[in-house]
Amino acid sequence: MPTNEKSREIIYVVDDDEAVRDSLSWLLESNGYFVKCFGSAERFLQTVIGNEREVTSCAILDVRMPGMSGLELQEHLLAESIPMPIAFITGHGDVTMAVSTMKKGAIDFIEKPFNENELHTLVEKMLVQARSSYKNANLQKNNQNLLSKLTSRERQVLERIVAGRLNKQIADDLTISIKTVEAHRANIMEKLNVNTVADLLRLALSEKTS
């Protein structure tokens, strides 16, 4: 039976072979997954890019397709920093090529014909990573939205707080009074919706690692 969690997640299948798309779709949907199929990488990008962070998802891509290949699609997703785990469908002669994709972040690859248990295990593995990746991406987006509310002066104060500067040192750095620094600190805490310096540092540092 599909769960509510699965119903909010999408498994994308990108393959130019209609029979392969139908087979994968049937196997996955019979296990309760929501599946969207595309016959080309180009069509996938036109439909998905821009909405890829709205819902937790992963993708199963054919290695060889007319036009943009699965390998080229992987490069595109990497370049756009899209947090979508991917796996590849490979034929007999593509295993070496598929292994190279894993070095670029692909979760795994599956060989034709498909084994239902292996496919289910792979998809669950991808979704575990997807949930974590999308959660982190959404958290960073939220943090960036909060940080964008700061004025340029508040940014300057925040940078010095993160650097470990004391109020008096920040006041000297910016040629302002200690009371003004304290006022800026209070505004920063309120705008960023944090109650402790530890939370403030965690939020500020997340921007530097995003």
N, C-alpha and C. Protein backbone atom coordinates (compact mmCIF):
# COMPACT_ATOMS: atom_id res chain seq x y z
N MET A 1 0.84 -1.20 0.00
CA MET A 1 0.00 0.00 0.00
C MET A 1 0.88 1.25 0.00
N PRO A 2 0.57 2.24 -0.85
CA PRO A 2 1.36 3.46 -0.83
C PRO A 2 1.13 4.23 0.44
N THR A 3 2.18 4.86 0.93
CA THR A 3 2.06 5.65 2.15
C THR A 3 1.88 7.11 1.78
N ASN A 4 1.46 7.92 2.77
CA ASN A 4 1.33 9.35 2.50
C ASN A 4 2.66 9.94 2.13
N GLU A 5 3.75 9.43 2.76
CA GLU A 5 5.08 9.95 2.46
C GLU A 5 5.43 9.68 1.01
N LYS A 6 5.20 8.45 0.55
CA LYS A 6 5.51 8.13 -0.84
C LYS A 6 4.69 8.96 -1.81
N SER A 7 3.43 9.25 -1.46
CA SER A 7 2.58 9.99 -2.38
C SER A 7 3.08 11.41 -2.60
N ARG A 8 3.94 11.90 -1.71
CA ARG A 8 4.49 13.24 -1.88
C ARG A 8 5.85 13.21 -2.59
N GLU A 9 6.28 12.05 -3.01
CA GLU A 9 7.59 11.90 -3.63
C GLU A 9 7.44 11.39 -5.07
N ILE A 10 8.36 11.81 -5.92
CA ILE A 10 8.27 11.45 -7.34
C ILE A 10 9.51 10.68 -7.77
N ILE A 11 9.28 9.59 -8.49
CA ILE A 11 10.36 8.86 -9.14
C ILE A 11 10.28 9.20 -10.62
N TYR A 12 11.29 9.89 -11.14
CA TYR A 12 11.34 10.20 -12.57
C TYR A 12 12.06 9.07 -13.31
N VAL A 13 11.49 8.69 -14.44
CA VAL A 13 12.12 7.71 -15.32
C VAL A 13 12.34 8.39 -16.67
N VAL A 14 13.60 8.43 -17.11
CA VAL A 14 13.93 9.08 -18.38
C VAL A 14 14.60 8.05 -19.28
N ASP A 15 13.87 7.62 -20.32
CA ASP A 15 14.37 6.59 -21.24
C ASP A 15 13.62 6.74 -22.56
N ASP A 16 14.35 6.64 -23.68
CA ASP A 16 13.69 6.79 -24.98
C ASP A 16 12.92 5.54 -25.40
N ASP A 17 13.10 4.43 -24.70
CA ASP A 17 12.43 3.18 -25.02
C ASP A 17 11.11 3.10 -24.25
N GLU A 18 10.00 3.15 -24.97
CA GLU A 18 8.69 3.15 -24.33
C GLU A 18 8.46 1.89 -23.51
N ALA A 19 8.94 0.76 -24.00
CA ALA A 19 8.75 -0.51 -23.29
C ALA A 19 9.47 -0.48 -21.94
N VAL A 20 10.65 0.11 -21.91
CA VAL A 20 11.41 0.23 -20.66
C VAL A 20 10.67 1.16 -19.69
N ARG A 21 10.19 2.26 -20.21
CA ARG A 21 9.44 3.20 -19.37
C ARG A 21 8.21 2.51 -18.77
N ASP A 22 7.49 1.78 -19.60
CA ASP A 22 6.28 1.10 -19.13
C ASP A 22 6.63 0.05 -18.07
N SER A 23 7.71 -0.69 -18.31
CA SER A 23 8.11 -1.74 -17.38
C SER A 23 8.49 -1.17 -16.02
N LEU A 24 9.33 -0.14 -16.05
CA LEU A 24 9.76 0.49 -14.80
C LEU A 24 8.58 1.14 -14.07
N SER A 25 7.74 1.80 -14.83
CA SER A 25 6.58 2.46 -14.24
C SER A 25 5.68 1.44 -13.55
N TRP A 26 5.44 0.31 -14.20
CA TRP A 26 4.58 -0.72 -13.62
C TRP A 26 5.20 -1.30 -12.36
N LEU A 27 6.49 -1.59 -12.41
CA LEU A 27 7.17 -2.17 -11.24
C LEU A 27 7.15 -1.22 -10.05
N LEU A 28 7.40 0.05 -10.33
CA LEU A 28 7.45 1.04 -9.24
C LEU A 28 6.06 1.37 -8.70
N GLU A 29 5.10 1.56 -9.60
CA GLU A 29 3.76 1.91 -9.15
C GLU A 29 3.11 0.76 -8.38
N SER A 30 3.47 -0.48 -8.74
CA SER A 30 2.92 -1.63 -8.01
C SER A 30 3.45 -1.69 -6.58
N ASN A 31 4.54 -0.94 -6.32
CA ASN A 31 5.10 -0.86 -4.96
C ASN A 31 4.70 0.44 -4.27
N GLY A 32 3.77 1.16 -4.86
CA GLY A 32 3.22 2.34 -4.20
C GLY A 32 3.90 3.66 -4.50
N TYR A 33 4.83 3.67 -5.47
CA TYR A 33 5.53 4.91 -5.80
C TYR A 33 4.77 5.71 -6.85
N PHE A 34 4.95 7.02 -6.81
CA PHE A 34 4.39 7.89 -7.84
C PHE A 34 5.47 8.12 -8.89
N VAL A 35 5.16 7.79 -10.15
CA VAL A 35 6.17 7.79 -11.21
C VAL A 35 5.78 8.76 -12.32
N LYS A 36 6.77 9.49 -12.84
CA LYS A 36 6.59 10.31 -14.03
C LYS A 36 7.65 9.91 -15.05
N CYS A 37 7.22 9.63 -16.26
CA CYS A 37 8.13 9.14 -17.30
C CYS A 37 8.35 10.19 -18.39
N PHE A 38 9.57 10.19 -18.94
CA PHE A 38 9.91 11.09 -20.04
C PHE A 38 10.69 10.31 -21.09
N GLY A 39 10.43 10.61 -22.35
CA GLY A 39 11.08 9.91 -23.44
C GLY A 39 12.40 10.51 -23.86
N SER A 40 12.76 11.66 -23.27
CA SER A 40 14.04 12.29 -23.61
C SER A 40 14.51 13.16 -22.46
N ALA A 41 15.83 13.37 -22.41
CA ALA A 41 16.40 14.22 -21.37
C ALA A 41 15.93 15.66 -21.55
N GLU A 42 15.81 16.07 -22.82
CA GLU A 42 15.38 17.44 -23.09
C GLU A 42 13.98 17.71 -22.55
N ARG A 43 13.08 16.75 -22.77
CA ARG A 43 11.70 16.90 -22.30
C ARG A 43 11.66 16.93 -20.77
N PHE A 44 12.47 16.10 -20.16
CA PHE A 44 12.57 16.07 -18.70
C PHE A 44 12.99 17.43 -18.17
N LEU A 45 14.03 18.02 -18.76
CA LEU A 45 14.53 19.31 -18.28
C LEU A 45 13.50 20.41 -18.46
N GLN A 46 12.80 20.41 -19.60
CA GLN A 46 11.80 21.43 -19.86
C GLN A 46 10.68 21.39 -18.83
N THR A 47 10.33 20.20 -18.40
CA THR A 47 9.20 20.03 -17.48
C THR A 47 9.61 20.20 -16.03
N VAL A 48 10.78 19.70 -15.66
CA VAL A 48 11.15 19.60 -14.25
C VAL A 48 11.94 20.78 -13.73
N ILE A 49 12.89 21.29 -14.53
CA ILE A 49 13.75 22.37 -14.03
C ILE A 49 12.91 23.59 -13.65
N GLY A 50 13.15 24.09 -12.48
CA GLY A 50 12.37 25.21 -11.95
C GLY A 50 11.41 24.75 -10.88
N ASN A 51 10.97 23.48 -10.99
CA ASN A 51 10.06 22.92 -10.00
C ASN A 51 10.70 21.79 -9.21
N GLU A 52 12.00 21.55 -9.46
CA GLU A 52 12.65 20.36 -8.92
C GLU A 52 12.82 20.41 -7.40
N ARG A 53 12.71 21.60 -6.82
CA ARG A 53 12.86 21.68 -5.37
C ARG A 53 11.52 21.74 -4.65
N GLU A 54 10.43 21.65 -5.41
CA GLU A 54 9.11 21.74 -4.80
C GLU A 54 8.69 20.43 -4.14
N VAL A 55 9.26 19.32 -4.57
CA VAL A 55 8.88 18.03 -4.03
C VAL A 55 10.10 17.11 -4.02
N THR A 56 10.17 16.24 -3.03
CA THR A 56 11.27 15.30 -2.94
C THR A 56 11.20 14.33 -4.13
N SER A 57 12.32 14.15 -4.81
CA SER A 57 12.30 13.30 -6.00
C SER A 57 13.67 12.71 -6.27
N CYS A 58 13.68 11.69 -7.11
CA CYS A 58 14.92 11.10 -7.61
C CYS A 58 14.67 10.68 -9.06
N ALA A 59 15.71 10.32 -9.77
CA ALA A 59 15.56 10.02 -11.20
C ALA A 59 16.35 8.78 -11.60
N ILE A 60 15.74 8.00 -12.47
CA ILE A 60 16.39 6.85 -13.08
C ILE A 60 16.57 7.18 -14.56
N LEU A 61 17.81 7.25 -15.02
CA LEU A 61 18.13 7.72 -16.36
C LEU A 61 18.77 6.62 -17.21
N ASP A 62 18.37 6.58 -18.47
CA ASP A 62 19.05 5.69 -19.39
C ASP A 62 20.41 6.31 -19.73
N VAL A 63 21.43 5.46 -19.85
CA VAL A 63 22.75 5.97 -20.19
C VAL A 63 22.78 6.52 -21.61
N ARG A 64 22.24 5.74 -22.55
CA ARG A 64 22.29 6.12 -23.97
C ARG A 64 20.91 6.51 -24.46
N MET A 65 20.79 7.75 -24.94
CA MET A 65 19.54 8.23 -25.53
C MET A 65 19.87 9.14 -26.71
N PRO A 66 19.00 9.20 -27.70
CA PRO A 66 19.20 10.17 -28.78
C PRO A 66 19.18 11.59 -28.22
N GLY A 67 19.92 12.49 -28.83
CA GLY A 67 19.99 13.85 -28.28
C GLY A 67 20.85 13.85 -27.04
N MET A 68 20.36 14.49 -25.99
CA MET A 68 21.11 14.53 -24.74
C MET A 68 21.12 13.16 -24.08
N SER A 69 22.30 12.65 -23.77
CA SER A 69 22.41 11.35 -23.13
C SER A 69 22.16 11.47 -21.63
N GLY A 70 22.02 10.33 -20.97
CA GLY A 70 21.87 10.34 -19.52
C GLY A 70 23.08 10.93 -18.83
N LEU A 71 24.25 10.68 -19.40
CA LEU A 71 25.48 11.22 -18.83
C LEU A 71 25.50 12.75 -18.91
N GLU A 72 25.05 13.28 -20.04
CA GLU A 72 25.00 14.73 -20.20
C GLU A 72 23.94 15.34 -19.28
N LEU A 73 22.85 14.62 -19.08
CA LEU A 73 21.81 15.09 -18.17
C LEU A 73 22.35 15.14 -16.74
N GLN A 74 23.13 14.14 -16.38
CA GLN A 74 23.75 14.15 -15.05
C GLN A 74 24.63 15.39 -14.88
N GLU A 75 25.43 15.70 -15.89
CA GLU A 75 26.30 16.87 -15.84
C GLU A 75 25.47 18.14 -15.65
N HIS A 76 24.33 18.20 -16.33
CA HIS A 76 23.48 19.39 -16.24
C HIS A 76 22.92 19.54 -14.83
N LEU A 77 22.46 18.44 -14.24
CA LEU A 77 21.91 18.49 -12.89
C LEU A 77 22.99 18.90 -11.89
N LEU A 78 24.20 18.40 -12.08
CA LEU A 78 25.31 18.77 -11.21
C LEU A 78 25.63 20.25 -11.33
N ALA A 79 25.65 20.75 -12.57
CA ALA A 79 25.97 22.16 -12.81
C ALA A 79 24.94 23.08 -12.17
N GLU A 80 23.67 22.63 -12.13
CA GLU A 80 22.60 23.44 -11.55
C GLU A 80 22.46 23.24 -10.04
N SER A 81 23.31 22.37 -9.47
CA SER A 81 23.27 22.07 -8.03
C SER A 81 21.89 21.61 -7.57
N ILE A 82 21.27 20.78 -8.40
CA ILE A 82 19.94 20.25 -8.08
C ILE A 82 20.10 19.02 -7.19
N PRO A 83 19.48 19.00 -6.02
CA PRO A 83 19.70 17.92 -5.05
C PRO A 83 18.89 16.67 -5.35
N MET A 84 18.90 16.22 -6.59
CA MET A 84 18.10 15.08 -7.01
C MET A 84 18.99 13.85 -7.20
N PRO A 85 18.90 12.87 -6.31
CA PRO A 85 19.70 11.65 -6.51
C PRO A 85 19.32 10.96 -7.81
N ILE A 86 20.32 10.38 -8.48
CA ILE A 86 20.04 9.71 -9.75
C ILE A 86 20.71 8.34 -9.77
N ALA A 87 20.12 7.47 -10.58
CA ALA A 87 20.70 6.16 -10.88
C ALA A 87 20.56 5.96 -12.38
N PHE A 88 21.35 5.04 -12.91
CA PHE A 88 21.35 4.82 -14.35
C PHE A 88 20.86 3.43 -14.73
N ILE A 89 20.19 3.38 -15.88
CA ILE A 89 19.83 2.11 -16.52
C ILE A 89 20.93 1.79 -17.51
N THR A 90 21.46 0.59 -17.44
CA THR A 90 22.55 0.24 -18.34
C THR A 90 22.26 -1.06 -19.09
N GLY A 91 22.80 -1.11 -20.30
CA GLY A 91 22.79 -2.35 -21.06
C GLY A 91 24.06 -3.11 -20.75
N HIS A 92 24.24 -4.24 -21.38
CA HIS A 92 25.38 -5.11 -21.09
C HIS A 92 26.72 -4.40 -21.28
N GLY A 93 26.82 -3.57 -22.31
CA GLY A 93 28.11 -2.95 -22.62
C GLY A 93 28.37 -1.64 -21.93
N ASP A 94 27.47 -1.23 -21.03
CA ASP A 94 27.58 0.11 -20.45
C ASP A 94 28.04 0.12 -19.00
N VAL A 95 28.40 -1.03 -18.46
CA VAL A 95 28.71 -1.09 -17.03
C VAL A 95 29.90 -0.20 -16.67
N THR A 96 30.97 -0.26 -17.47
CA THR A 96 32.14 0.58 -17.19
C THR A 96 31.77 2.05 -17.20
N MET A 97 30.95 2.42 -18.18
CA MET A 97 30.49 3.80 -18.27
C MET A 97 29.64 4.17 -17.06
N ALA A 98 28.80 3.25 -16.63
CA ALA A 98 27.93 3.52 -15.48
C ALA A 98 28.75 3.71 -14.21
N VAL A 99 29.79 2.92 -14.05
CA VAL A 99 30.65 3.05 -12.87
C VAL A 99 31.26 4.45 -12.81
N SER A 100 31.63 4.98 -13.97
CA SER A 100 32.23 6.31 -14.00
C SER A 100 31.23 7.37 -13.55
N THR A 101 29.94 7.14 -13.79
CA THR A 101 28.93 8.11 -13.36
C THR A 101 28.82 8.15 -11.84
N MET A 102 29.12 7.02 -11.20
CA MET A 102 29.04 6.99 -9.74
C MET A 102 30.11 7.87 -9.11
N LYS A 103 31.22 8.02 -9.81
CA LYS A 103 32.27 8.90 -9.30
C LYS A 103 31.83 10.36 -9.32
N LYS A 104 30.78 10.65 -10.11
CA LYS A 104 30.25 12.00 -10.18
C LYS A 104 29.00 12.16 -9.32
N GLY A 105 28.72 11.14 -8.51
CA GLY A 105 27.62 11.28 -7.56
C GLY A 105 26.40 10.42 -7.79
N ALA A 106 26.36 9.65 -8.88
CA ALA A 106 25.21 8.77 -9.09
C ALA A 106 25.14 7.75 -7.96
N ILE A 107 23.93 7.41 -7.54
CA ILE A 107 23.74 6.49 -6.44
C ILE A 107 24.15 5.07 -6.81
N ASP A 108 23.75 4.63 -8.01
CA ASP A 108 24.00 3.25 -8.43
C ASP A 108 23.55 3.12 -9.87
N PHE A 109 23.61 1.92 -10.37
CA PHE A 109 23.05 1.64 -11.70
C PHE A 109 22.39 0.27 -11.68
N ILE A 110 21.41 0.11 -12.56
CA ILE A 110 20.73 -1.18 -12.69
C ILE A 110 20.87 -1.66 -14.12
N GLU A 111 21.03 -2.96 -14.27
CA GLU A 111 21.18 -3.55 -15.60
C GLU A 111 19.86 -4.14 -16.08
N LYS A 112 19.65 -4.08 -17.38
CA LYS A 112 18.50 -4.74 -17.98
C LYS A 112 18.81 -6.24 -18.11
N PRO A 113 17.82 -7.13 -17.93
CA PRO A 113 16.45 -6.86 -17.47
C PRO A 113 16.42 -6.55 -15.98
N PHE A 114 15.38 -5.89 -15.52
CA PHE A 114 15.31 -5.40 -14.16
C PHE A 114 14.88 -6.49 -13.18
N ASN A 115 15.53 -6.47 -12.03
CA ASN A 115 15.13 -7.32 -10.92
C ASN A 115 14.30 -6.47 -9.97
N GLU A 116 13.07 -6.89 -9.71
CA GLU A 116 12.15 -6.06 -8.94
C GLU A 116 12.68 -5.75 -7.54
N ASN A 117 13.26 -6.74 -6.88
CA ASN A 117 13.77 -6.50 -5.52
C ASN A 117 14.94 -5.52 -5.52
N GLU A 118 15.85 -5.68 -6.52
CA GLU A 118 16.98 -4.77 -6.62
C GLU A 118 16.52 -3.36 -6.93
N LEU A 119 15.50 -3.25 -7.79
CA LEU A 119 14.96 -1.94 -8.14
C LEU A 119 14.35 -1.27 -6.91
N HIS A 120 13.58 -2.01 -6.15
CA HIS A 120 12.95 -1.47 -4.95
C HIS A 120 14.01 -1.00 -3.94
N THR A 121 15.04 -1.82 -3.75
CA THR A 121 16.12 -1.45 -2.83
C THR A 121 16.83 -0.19 -3.28
N LEU A 122 17.08 -0.09 -4.60
CA LEU A 122 17.75 1.09 -5.15
C LEU A 122 16.92 2.34 -4.95
N VAL A 123 15.62 2.26 -5.25
CA VAL A 123 14.76 3.43 -5.13
C VAL A 123 14.66 3.89 -3.68
N GLU A 124 14.56 2.95 -2.75
CA GLU A 124 14.52 3.33 -1.33
C GLU A 124 15.82 4.01 -0.91
N LYS A 125 16.93 3.50 -1.41
CA LYS A 125 18.24 4.10 -1.11
C LYS A 125 18.30 5.53 -1.65
N MET A 126 17.78 5.73 -2.86
CA MET A 126 17.77 7.06 -3.46
C MET A 126 16.87 8.02 -2.68
N LEU A 127 15.71 7.52 -2.25
CA LEU A 127 14.77 8.39 -1.54
C LEU A 127 15.29 8.79 -0.17
N VAL A 128 16.02 7.90 0.49
CA VAL A 128 16.63 8.25 1.77
C VAL A 128 17.56 9.44 1.59
N GLN A 129 18.38 9.39 0.53
CA GLN A 129 19.29 10.51 0.27
C GLN A 129 18.51 11.74 -0.16
N ALA A 130 17.47 11.52 -0.98
CA ALA A 130 16.68 12.65 -1.47
C ALA A 130 16.04 13.42 -0.33
N ARG A 131 15.48 12.70 0.64
CA ARG A 131 14.83 13.37 1.77
C ARG A 131 15.81 14.25 2.52
N SER A 132 17.01 13.74 2.72
CA SER A 132 18.04 14.52 3.41
C SER A 132 18.50 15.70 2.57
N SER A 133 18.73 15.47 1.27
CA SER A 133 19.22 16.52 0.37
C SER A 133 18.21 17.65 0.24
N TYR A 134 16.94 17.28 0.06
CA TYR A 134 15.91 18.30 -0.12
C TYR A 134 15.66 19.06 1.18
N LYS A 135 15.74 18.36 2.31
CA LYS A 135 15.57 19.04 3.59
C LYS A 135 16.66 20.08 3.79
N ASN A 136 17.91 19.70 3.48
CA ASN A 136 19.02 20.63 3.61
C ASN A 136 18.90 21.80 2.65
N ALA A 137 18.48 21.50 1.41
CA ALA A 137 18.32 22.56 0.40
C ALA A 137 17.25 23.56 0.82
N ASN A 138 16.13 23.05 1.35
CA ASN A 138 15.06 23.94 1.79
C ASN A 138 15.47 24.76 3.01
N LEU A 139 16.25 24.14 3.90
CA LEU A 139 16.73 24.85 5.08
C LEU A 139 17.66 25.99 4.67
N GLN A 140 18.55 25.72 3.72
CA GLN A 140 19.47 26.76 3.24
C GLN A 140 18.71 27.88 2.55
N LYS A 141 17.68 27.52 1.79
CA LYS A 141 16.87 28.54 1.12
C LYS A 141 16.17 29.43 2.13
N ASN A 142 15.64 28.81 3.18
CA ASN A 142 14.97 29.56 4.23
C ASN A 142 15.95 30.49 4.95
N ASN A 143 17.15 29.96 5.25
CA ASN A 143 18.17 30.78 5.91
C ASN A 143 18.58 31.97 5.05
N GLN A 144 18.73 31.73 3.75
CA GLN A 144 19.11 32.81 2.83
C GLN A 144 18.03 33.88 2.78
N ASN A 145 16.75 33.45 2.83
CA ASN A 145 15.65 34.42 2.83
C ASN A 145 15.69 35.28 4.10
N LEU A 146 16.00 34.64 5.23
CA LEU A 146 16.10 35.39 6.49
C LEU A 146 17.27 36.38 6.43
N LEU A 147 18.42 35.91 5.96
CA LEU A 147 19.61 36.77 5.91
C LEU A 147 19.42 37.95 4.97
N SER A 148 18.59 37.76 3.96
CA SER A 148 18.36 38.85 2.99
C SER A 148 17.62 40.03 3.63
N LYS A 149 17.03 39.83 4.80
CA LYS A 149 16.30 40.89 5.49
C LYS A 149 17.24 41.88 6.19
N LEU A 150 18.49 41.49 6.36
CA LEU A 150 19.44 42.34 7.09
C LEU A 150 19.88 43.54 6.25
N THR A 151 20.09 44.65 6.92
CA THR A 151 20.66 45.82 6.25
C THR A 151 22.16 45.60 6.06
N SER A 152 22.78 46.46 5.28
CA SER A 152 24.22 46.31 5.05
C SER A 152 25.00 46.48 6.35
N ARG A 153 24.55 47.39 7.22
CA ARG A 153 25.23 47.59 8.50
C ARG A 153 25.05 46.35 9.40
N GLU A 154 23.86 45.80 9.41
CA GLU A 154 23.61 44.60 10.20
C GLU A 154 24.46 43.43 9.68
N ARG A 155 24.66 43.39 8.39
CA ARG A 155 25.54 42.37 7.80
C ARG A 155 26.97 42.54 8.32
N GLN A 156 27.42 43.76 8.37
CA GLN A 156 28.77 44.03 8.87
C GLN A 156 28.92 43.59 10.32
N VAL A 157 27.90 43.87 11.11
CA VAL A 157 27.93 43.47 12.52
C VAL A 157 27.91 41.94 12.62
N LEU A 158 27.05 41.32 11.84
CA LEU A 158 26.94 39.85 11.88
C LEU A 158 28.26 39.19 11.50
N GLU A 159 28.91 39.70 10.47
CA GLU A 159 30.19 39.14 10.04
C GLU A 159 31.21 39.16 11.18
N ARG A 160 31.18 40.21 11.97
CA ARG A 160 32.14 40.33 13.07
C ARG A 160 31.74 39.46 14.26
N ILE A 161 30.43 39.28 14.44
CA ILE A 161 29.98 38.35 15.49
C ILE A 161 30.45 36.94 15.16
N VAL A 162 30.29 36.57 13.90
CA VAL A 162 30.72 35.24 13.44
C VAL A 162 32.23 35.08 13.59
N ALA A 163 32.95 36.17 13.39
CA ALA A 163 34.42 36.13 13.52
C ALA A 163 34.87 36.11 14.97
N GLY A 164 33.91 36.21 15.91
CA GLY A 164 34.26 36.14 17.32
C GLY A 164 34.62 37.47 17.96
N ARG A 165 34.30 38.57 17.27
CA ARG A 165 34.62 39.89 17.82
C ARG A 165 33.65 40.26 18.94
N LEU A 166 34.14 40.93 19.97
CA LEU A 166 33.32 41.40 21.07
C LEU A 166 32.63 42.71 20.67
N ASN A 167 31.58 43.07 21.42
CA ASN A 167 30.84 44.29 21.09
C ASN A 167 31.75 45.52 21.01
N LYS A 168 32.66 45.65 21.97
CA LYS A 168 33.56 46.81 21.97
C LYS A 168 34.44 46.80 20.72
N GLN A 169 34.92 45.62 20.33
CA GLN A 169 35.77 45.51 19.14
C GLN A 169 34.97 45.83 17.88
N ILE A 170 33.72 45.36 17.84
CA ILE A 170 32.87 45.66 16.68
C ILE A 170 32.61 47.16 16.60
N ALA A 171 32.37 47.77 17.76
CA ALA A 171 32.14 49.22 17.80
C ALA A 171 33.36 49.97 17.27
N ASP A 172 34.55 49.54 17.67
CA ASP A 172 35.79 50.17 17.19
C ASP A 172 35.96 49.95 15.69
N ASP A 173 35.68 48.73 15.23
CA ASP A 173 35.83 48.40 13.81
C ASP A 173 34.97 49.30 12.93
N LEU A 174 33.74 49.54 13.40
CA LEU A 174 32.75 50.24 12.56
C LEU A 174 32.58 51.71 12.96
N THR A 175 33.36 52.14 13.96
CA THR A 175 33.30 53.52 14.45
C THR A 175 31.88 53.89 14.86
N ILE A 176 31.29 53.03 15.68
CA ILE A 176 29.96 53.29 16.22
C ILE A 176 30.02 52.98 17.72
N SER A 177 28.97 53.36 18.44
CA SER A 177 28.95 53.15 19.89
C SER A 177 28.61 51.69 20.21
N ILE A 178 28.97 51.29 21.43
CA ILE A 178 28.65 49.93 21.87
C ILE A 178 27.13 49.74 21.92
N LYS A 179 26.41 50.79 22.35
CA LYS A 179 24.95 50.69 22.40
C LYS A 179 24.36 50.46 21.00
N THR A 180 24.95 51.08 20.01
CA THR A 180 24.49 50.88 18.63
C THR A 180 24.75 49.44 18.19
N VAL A 181 25.90 48.92 18.57
CA VAL A 181 26.21 47.52 18.26
C VAL A 181 25.18 46.60 18.92
N GLU A 182 24.87 46.88 20.19
CA GLU A 182 23.89 46.06 20.91
C GLU A 182 22.52 46.13 20.24
N ALA A 183 22.17 47.32 19.76
CA ALA A 183 20.88 47.48 19.07
C ALA A 183 20.86 46.67 17.77
N HIS A 184 21.97 46.72 17.05
CA HIS A 184 22.07 45.94 15.81
C HIS A 184 21.98 44.44 16.10
N ARG A 185 22.64 44.02 17.15
CA ARG A 185 22.60 42.60 17.53
C ARG A 185 21.17 42.16 17.83
N ALA A 186 20.46 43.00 18.55
CA ALA A 186 19.07 42.67 18.89
C ALA A 186 18.21 42.59 17.63
N ASN A 187 18.42 43.53 16.71
CA ASN A 187 17.66 43.51 15.44
C ASN A 187 17.98 42.28 14.62
N ILE A 188 19.26 41.92 14.60
CA ILE A 188 19.69 40.74 13.85
C ILE A 188 19.03 39.48 14.41
N MET A 189 19.05 39.33 15.72
CA MET A 189 18.44 38.16 16.36
C MET A 189 16.95 38.08 16.04
N GLU A 190 16.29 39.23 16.07
CA GLU A 190 14.85 39.27 15.81
C GLU A 190 14.56 38.93 14.36
N LYS A 191 15.29 39.53 13.42
CA LYS A 191 15.05 39.28 11.99
C LYS A 191 15.34 37.83 11.59
N LEU A 192 16.35 37.25 12.22
CA LEU A 192 16.72 35.88 11.89
C LEU A 192 15.96 34.86 12.72
N ASN A 193 15.13 35.36 13.64
CA ASN A 193 14.26 34.49 14.44
C ASN A 193 15.07 33.46 15.24
N VAL A 194 16.14 33.94 15.88
CA VAL A 194 16.97 33.07 16.72
C VAL A 194 17.02 33.65 18.13
N ASN A 195 17.24 32.77 19.11
CA ASN A 195 17.24 33.20 20.51
C ASN A 195 18.61 33.12 21.16
N THR A 196 19.53 32.37 20.54
CA THR A 196 20.85 32.21 21.14
C THR A 196 21.93 32.54 20.12
N VAL A 197 23.11 32.85 20.60
CA VAL A 197 24.24 33.13 19.71
C VAL A 197 24.61 31.88 18.92
N ALA A 198 24.48 30.71 19.56
CA ALA A 198 24.79 29.45 18.87
C ALA A 198 23.90 29.27 17.64
N ASP A 199 22.60 29.55 17.80
CA ASP A 199 21.68 29.44 16.67
C ASP A 199 22.01 30.49 15.60
N LEU A 200 22.39 31.66 16.05
CA LEU A 200 22.77 32.73 15.12
C LEU A 200 23.97 32.30 14.29
N LEU A 201 24.99 31.75 14.95
CA LEU A 201 26.19 31.30 14.25
C LEU A 201 25.87 30.17 13.28
N ARG A 202 25.01 29.25 13.71
CA ARG A 202 24.65 28.11 12.87
C ARG A 202 23.97 28.60 11.58
N LEU A 203 23.07 29.55 11.71
CA LEU A 203 22.35 30.07 10.55
C LEU A 203 23.30 30.83 9.63
N ALA A 204 24.13 31.68 10.22
CA ALA A 204 25.05 32.50 9.43
C ALA A 204 26.06 31.62 8.68
N LEU A 205 26.56 30.61 9.35
CA LEU A 205 27.57 29.73 8.73
C LEU A 205 26.96 28.85 7.66
N SER A 206 25.66 28.58 7.74
CA SER A 206 25.02 27.74 6.71
C SER A 206 25.07 28.41 5.36
N GLU A 207 25.05 29.76 5.34
CA GLU A 207 25.13 30.49 4.08
C GLU A 207 26.49 30.30 3.44
N LYS A 208 27.54 30.22 4.25
CA LYS A 208 28.88 30.09 3.72
C LYS A 208 29.15 28.72 3.13
N THR A 209 28.37 27.71 3.59
CA THR A 209 28.58 26.35 3.10
C THR A 209 27.57 25.96 2.03
N SER A 210 26.64 26.86 1.70
CA SER A 210 25.61 26.53 0.71
C SER A 210 26.12 26.72 -0.69
